[in-house]
PDB file of N, CA and C in Angstrom:
ATOM      1  N   MET A   1     -11.958   5.888  28.354  1.00  0.00           N
ATOM      2  CA  MET A   1     -11.533   4.651  27.636  1.00  0.00           C
ATOM      3  C   MET A   1     -11.302   4.940  26.161  1.00  0.00           C
ATOM      4  N   ALA A   2     -10.310   4.331  25.561  1.00  0.00           N
ATOM      5  CA  ALA A   2     -10.138   4.625  24.135  1.00  0.00           C
ATOM      6  C   ALA A   2     -11.187   3.935  23.236  1.00  0.00           C
ATOM      7  N   GLN A   3     -11.237   4.622  22.127  1.00  0.00           N
ATOM      8  CA  GLN A   3     -12.081   4.099  20.988  1.00  0.00           C
ATOM      9  C   GLN A   3     -11.373   3.722  19.816  1.00  0.00           C
ATOM     10  N   LEU A   4     -12.009   3.029  18.940  1.00  0.00           N
ATOM     11  CA  LEU A   4     -11.559   2.570  17.730  1.00  0.00           C
ATOM     12  C   LEU A   4     -12.347   3.130  16.623  1.00  0.00           C
ATOM     13  N   LYS A   5     -11.807   3.799  15.596  1.00  0.00           N
ATOM     14  CA  LYS A   5     -12.465   4.189  14.415  1.00  0.00           C
ATOM     15  C   LYS A   5     -12.203   3.160  13.326  1.00  0.00           C
ATOM     16  N   VAL A   6     -13.241   2.464  12.970  1.00  0.00           N
ATOM     17  CA  VAL A   6     -13.173   1.373  11.985  1.00  0.00           C
ATOM     18  C   VAL A   6     -13.770   1.948  10.565  1.00  0.00           C
ATOM     19  N   THR A   7     -13.041   1.792   9.465  1.00  0.00           N
ATOM     20  CA  THR A   7     -13.482   2.140   8.209  1.00  0.00           C
ATOM     21  C   THR A   7     -13.457   0.932   7.167  1.00  0.00           C
ATOM     22  N   GLN A   8     -14.372   0.740   6.515  1.00  0.00           N
ATOM     23  CA  GLN A   8     -14.437  -0.424   5.592  1.00  0.00           C
ATOM     24  C   GLN A   8     -13.823   0.174   4.236  1.00  0.00           C
ATOM     25  N   LEU A   9     -12.683  -0.628   3.804  1.00  0.00           N
ATOM     26  CA  LEU A   9     -12.034  -0.195   2.658  1.00  0.00           C
ATOM     27  C   LEU A   9     -12.314  -1.082   1.412  1.00  0.00           C
ATOM     28  N   LYS A  10     -12.673  -2.476   1.728  1.00  0.00           N
ATOM     29  CA  LYS A  10     -12.979  -3.349   0.669  1.00  0.00           C
ATOM     30  C   LYS A  10     -14.383  -3.958   0.801  1.00  0.00           C
ATOM     31  N   SER A  11     -14.854  -4.563  -0.194  1.00  0.00           N
ATOM     32  CA  SER A  11     -16.175  -5.210  -0.141  1.00  0.00           C
ATOM     33  C   SER A  11     -16.013  -6.587   0.503  1.00  0.00           C
ATOM     34  N   GLY A  12     -17.088  -6.945   1.229  1.00  0.00           N
ATOM     35  CA  GLY A  12     -17.237  -8.396   1.694  1.00  0.00           C
ATOM     36  C   GLY A  12     -17.730  -9.278   0.664  1.00  0.00           C
ATOM     37  N   ILE A  13     -18.139  -8.929  -0.407  1.00  0.00           N
ATOM     38  CA  ILE A  13     -18.553  -9.780  -1.568  1.00  0.00           C
ATOM     39  C   ILE A  13     -17.570 -10.798  -1.855  1.00  0.00           C
ATOM     40  N   GLY A  14     -17.748 -12.009  -1.847  1.00  0.00           N
ATOM     41  CA  GLY A  14     -16.867 -13.156  -2.265  1.00  0.00           C
ATOM     42  C   GLY A  14     -16.097 -13.624  -1.166  1.00  0.00           C
ATOM     43  N   GLY A  15     -16.230 -12.987   0.086  1.00  0.00           N
ATOM     44  CA  GLY A  15     -15.636 -13.389   1.297  1.00  0.00           C
ATOM     45  C   GLY A  15     -16.237 -14.535   1.908  1.00  0.00           C
ATOM     46  N   LYS A  16     -15.895 -14.965   3.018  1.00  0.00           N
ATOM     47  CA  LYS A  16     -16.524 -16.066   3.701  1.00  0.00           C
ATOM     48  C   LYS A  16     -17.792 -15.517   4.543  1.00  0.00           C
ATOM     49  N   GLN A  17     -18.675 -16.366   4.805  1.00  0.00           N
ATOM     50  CA  GLN A  17     -19.873 -15.858   5.344  1.00  0.00           C
ATOM     51  C   GLN A  17     -19.678 -15.212   6.788  1.00  0.00           C
ATOM     52  N   ASN A  18     -18.626 -15.804   7.540  1.00  0.00           N
ATOM     53  CA  ASN A  18     -18.539 -15.258   8.973  1.00  0.00           C
ATOM     54  C   ASN A  18     -17.826 -13.721   8.727  1.00  0.00           C
ATOM     55  N   GLN A  19     -17.173 -13.541   7.773  1.00  0.00           N
ATOM     56  CA  GLN A  19     -16.575 -12.154   7.409  1.00  0.00           C
ATOM     57  C   GLN A  19     -17.668 -11.196   7.163  1.00  0.00           C
ATOM     58  N   ARG A  20     -18.492 -11.606   6.317  1.00  0.00           N
ATOM     59  CA  ARG A  20     -19.663 -10.757   5.918  1.00  0.00           C
ATOM     60  C   ARG A  20     -20.531 -10.302   7.092  1.00  0.00           C
ATOM     61  N   GLU A  21     -20.877 -11.370   7.931  1.00  0.00           N
ATOM     62  CA  GLU A  21     -21.627 -11.173   9.169  1.00  0.00           C
ATOM     63  C   GLU A  21     -20.777 -10.306  10.163  1.00  0.00           C
ATOM     64  N   THR A  22     -19.584 -10.449  10.302  1.00  0.00           N
ATOM     65  CA  THR A  22     -18.739  -9.558  11.076  1.00  0.00           C
ATOM     66  C   THR A  22     -18.795  -8.083  10.639  1.00  0.00           C
ATOM     67  N   LEU A  23     -18.737  -7.950   9.502  1.00  0.00           N
ATOM     68  CA  LEU A  23     -18.813  -6.496   8.894  1.00  0.00           C
ATOM     69  C   LEU A  23     -20.220  -5.854   9.307  1.00  0.00           C
ATOM     70  N   ARG A  24     -21.191  -6.662   9.100  1.00  0.00           N
ATOM     71  CA  ARG A  24     -22.593  -6.245   9.419  1.00  0.00           C
ATOM     72  C   ARG A  24     -22.632  -5.935  10.918  1.00  0.00           C
ATOM     73  N   THR A  25     -22.148  -6.792  11.756  1.00  0.00           N
ATOM     74  CA  THR A  25     -22.180  -6.767  13.254  1.00  0.00           C
ATOM     75  C   THR A  25     -21.580  -5.384  13.656  1.00  0.00           C
ATOM     76  N   LEU A  26     -20.421  -5.085  13.016  1.00  0.00           N
ATOM     77  CA  LEU A  26     -19.707  -3.971  13.394  1.00  0.00           C
ATOM     78  C   LEU A  26     -20.436  -2.679  12.905  1.00  0.00           C
ATOM     79  N   GLY A  27     -21.431  -2.914  12.039  1.00  0.00           N
ATOM     80  CA  GLY A  27     -22.230  -1.711  11.588  1.00  0.00           C
ATOM     81  C   GLY A  27     -21.745  -1.152  10.187  1.00  0.00           C
ATOM     82  N   LEU A  28     -20.822  -2.014   9.504  1.00  0.00           N
ATOM     83  CA  LEU A  28     -20.455  -1.456   8.151  1.00  0.00           C
ATOM     84  C   LEU A  28     -21.268  -2.086   7.068  1.00  0.00           C
ATOM     85  N   LYS A  29     -21.798  -1.242   6.189  1.00  0.00           N
ATOM     86  CA  LYS A  29     -22.630  -1.656   5.234  1.00  0.00           C
ATOM     87  C   LYS A  29     -22.142  -1.586   3.688  1.00  0.00           C
ATOM     88  N   ARG A  30     -21.348  -0.444   3.599  1.00  0.00           N
ATOM     89  CA  ARG A  30     -20.668  -0.296   2.322  1.00  0.00           C
ATOM     90  C   ARG A  30     -19.298   0.254   2.400  1.00  0.00           C
ATOM     91  N   ILE A  31     -18.531   0.247   1.337  1.00  0.00           N
ATOM     92  CA  ILE A  31     -17.198   0.731   1.333  1.00  0.00           C
ATOM     93  C   ILE A  31     -17.276   2.284   1.724  1.00  0.00           C
ATOM     94  N   GLY A  32     -16.446   2.651   2.524  1.00  0.00           N
ATOM     95  CA  GLY A  32     -16.379   4.050   2.947  1.00  0.00           C
ATOM     96  C   GLY A  32     -17.149   4.314   4.229  1.00  0.00           C
ATOM     97  N   ASP A  33     -17.874   3.412   4.669  1.00  0.00           N
ATOM     98  CA  ASP A  33     -18.645   3.559   5.928  1.00  0.00           C
ATOM     99  C   ASP A  33     -17.763   3.544   7.198  1.00  0.00           C
ATOM    100  N   THR A  34     -17.912   4.356   8.157  1.00  0.00           N
ATOM    101  CA  THR A  34     -17.055   4.426   9.319  1.00  0.00           C
ATOM    102  C   THR A  34     -17.808   4.468  10.598  1.00  0.00           C
ATOM    103  N   VAL A  35     -17.333   3.714  11.511  1.00  0.00           N
ATOM    104  CA  VAL A  35     -18.054   3.609  12.837  1.00  0.00           C
ATOM    105  C   VAL A  35     -17.009   3.688  13.921  1.00  0.00           C
ATOM    106  N   VAL A  36     -17.439   4.217  15.112  1.00  0.00           N
ATOM    107  CA  VAL A  36     -16.598   4.348  16.277  1.00  0.00           C
ATOM    108  C   VAL A  36     -17.084   3.362  17.310  1.00  0.00           C
ATOM    109  N   LYS A  37     -16.219   2.504  17.757  1.00  0.00           N
ATOM    110  CA  LYS A  37     -16.566   1.440  18.852  1.00  0.00           C
ATOM    111  C   LYS A  37     -15.526   1.554  20.014  1.00  0.00           C
ATOM    112  N   GLU A  38     -15.934   1.163  21.151  1.00  0.00           N
ATOM    113  CA  GLU A  38     -15.231   1.074  22.348  1.00  0.00           C
ATOM    114  C   GLU A  38     -14.083   0.043  22.056  1.00  0.00           C
ATOM    115  N   ASP A  39     -12.960   0.398  22.679  1.00  0.00           N
ATOM    116  CA  ASP A  39     -11.812  -0.567  22.455  1.00  0.00           C
ATOM    117  C   ASP A  39     -11.903  -1.689  23.595  1.00  0.00           C
ATOM    118  N   ARG A  40     -12.751  -2.815  23.233  1.00  0.00           N
ATOM    119  CA  ARG A  40     -12.691  -3.944  24.113  1.00  0.00           C
ATOM    120  C   ARG A  40     -12.308  -5.106  23.233  1.00  0.00           C
ATOM    121  N   PRO A  41     -12.086  -6.239  24.030  1.00  0.00           N
ATOM    122  CA  PRO A  41     -11.468  -7.378  23.429  1.00  0.00           C
ATOM    123  C   PRO A  41     -12.446  -7.980  22.365  1.00  0.00           C
ATOM    124  N   GLU A  42     -13.704  -7.953  22.574  1.00  0.00           N
ATOM    125  CA  GLU A  42     -14.731  -8.450  21.544  1.00  0.00           C
ATOM    126  C   GLU A  42     -14.648  -7.703  20.379  1.00  0.00           C
ATOM    127  N   ILE A  43     -14.532  -6.380  20.303  1.00  0.00           N
ATOM    128  CA  ILE A  43     -14.432  -5.557  19.149  1.00  0.00           C
ATOM    129  C   ILE A  43     -13.016  -5.841  18.371  1.00  0.00           C
ATOM    130  N   ARG A  44     -11.920  -5.865  19.208  1.00  0.00           N
ATOM    131  CA  ARG A  44     -10.616  -6.204  18.675  1.00  0.00           C
ATOM    132  C   ARG A  44     -10.696  -7.631  17.782  1.00  0.00           C
ATOM    133  N   GLY A  45     -11.428  -8.553  18.374  1.00  0.00           N
ATOM    134  CA  GLY A  45     -11.443  -9.898  17.803  1.00  0.00           C
ATOM    135  C   GLY A  45     -12.285  -9.732  16.495  1.00  0.00           C
ATOM    136  N   MET A  46     -13.375  -8.970  16.467  1.00  0.00           N
ATOM    137  CA  MET A  46     -14.194  -8.728  15.181  1.00  0.00           C
ATOM    138  C   MET A  46     -13.314  -8.147  14.129  1.00  0.00           C
ATOM    139  N   VAL A  47     -12.531  -7.072  14.608  1.00  0.00           N
ATOM    140  CA  VAL A  47     -11.687  -6.307  13.670  1.00  0.00           C
ATOM    141  C   VAL A  47     -10.591  -7.246  13.115  1.00  0.00           C
ATOM    142  N   ASN A  48     -10.011  -8.083  13.965  1.00  0.00           N
ATOM    143  CA  ASN A  48      -8.954  -9.062  13.499  1.00  0.00           C
ATOM    144  C   ASN A  48      -9.521  -9.987  12.430  1.00  0.00           C
ATOM    145  N   THR A  49     -10.685 -10.402  12.567  1.00  0.00           N
ATOM    146  CA  THR A  49     -11.448 -11.266  11.563  1.00  0.00           C
ATOM    147  C   THR A  49     -11.517 -10.755  10.214  1.00  0.00           C
ATOM    148  N   VAL A  50     -11.754  -9.300  10.144  1.00  0.00           N
ATOM    149  CA  VAL A  50     -11.824  -8.630   8.827  1.00  0.00           C
ATOM    150  C   VAL A  50     -10.796  -7.746   8.686  1.00  0.00           C
ATOM    151  N   ARG A  51      -9.628  -7.877   9.075  1.00  0.00           N
ATOM    152  CA  ARG A  51      -8.547  -6.962   9.051  1.00  0.00           C
ATOM    153  C   ARG A  51      -8.091  -6.476   7.730  1.00  0.00           C
ATOM    154  N   HIS A  52      -8.354  -7.536   6.750  1.00  0.00           N
ATOM    155  CA  HIS A  52      -7.906  -7.143   5.311  1.00  0.00           C
ATOM    156  C   HIS A  52      -8.898  -6.365   4.594  1.00  0.00           C
ATOM    157  N   LEU A  53     -10.181  -6.183   5.210  1.00  0.00           N
ATOM    158  CA  LEU A  53     -11.190  -5.279   4.563  1.00  0.00           C
ATOM    159  C   LEU A  53     -11.352  -3.928   5.273  1.00  0.00           C
ATOM    160  N   VAL A  54     -10.762  -3.604   6.317  1.00  0.00           N
ATOM    161  CA  VAL A  54     -10.890  -2.442   7.061  1.00  0.00           C
ATOM    162  C   VAL A  54      -9.699  -1.785   7.537  1.00  0.00           C
ATOM    163  N   SER A  55      -9.684  -0.526   7.814  1.00  0.00           N
ATOM    164  CA  SER A  55      -8.570   0.200   8.509  1.00  0.00           C
ATOM    165  C   SER A  55      -9.051   0.581   9.872  1.00  0.00           C
ATOM    166  N   VAL A  56      -8.142   0.631  10.797  1.00  0.00           N
ATOM    167  CA  VAL A  56      -8.459   0.979  12.210  1.00  0.00           C
ATOM    168  C   VAL A  56      -7.529   2.045  12.701  1.00  0.00           C
ATOM    169  N   GLU A  57      -8.076   3.001  13.408  1.00  0.00           N
ATOM    170  CA  GLU A  57      -7.391   4.082  14.062  1.00  0.00           C
ATOM    171  C   GLU A  57      -7.859   4.225  15.451  1.00  0.00           C
ATOM    172  N   GLU A  58      -7.019   4.507  16.319  1.00  0.00           N
ATOM    173  CA  GLU A  58      -7.374   4.857  17.816  1.00  0.00           C
ATOM    174  C   GLU A  58      -7.817   6.344  17.952  1.00  0.00           C
ATOM    175  N   VAL A  59      -8.897   6.588  18.590  1.00  0.00           N
ATOM    176  CA  VAL A  59      -9.443   7.880  18.874  1.00  0.00           C
ATOM    177  C   VAL A  59      -9.571   7.991  20.216  1.00  0.00           C
ATOM    178  N   LYS A  60      -9.103   9.186  20.891  1.00  0.00           N
ATOM    179  CA  LYS A  60      -9.155   9.444  22.227  1.00  0.00           C
ATOM    180  C   LYS A  60     -10.385  10.127  22.727  1.00  0.00           C
TER     181      LYS A  60
END
């Protein structure tokens, strides 16, 4: 199954509460943090919520 590499590019400070919580749920704590998650609809939805704060790459 494919995986997604999610990297935080911008801060969640000043954003909406649900966006800050989504970053934390993804495991991102600070700018430059990277996590690898399974490519599932739940993860895609979370990434979509914070798409302006993160970059996403597919990893095989």
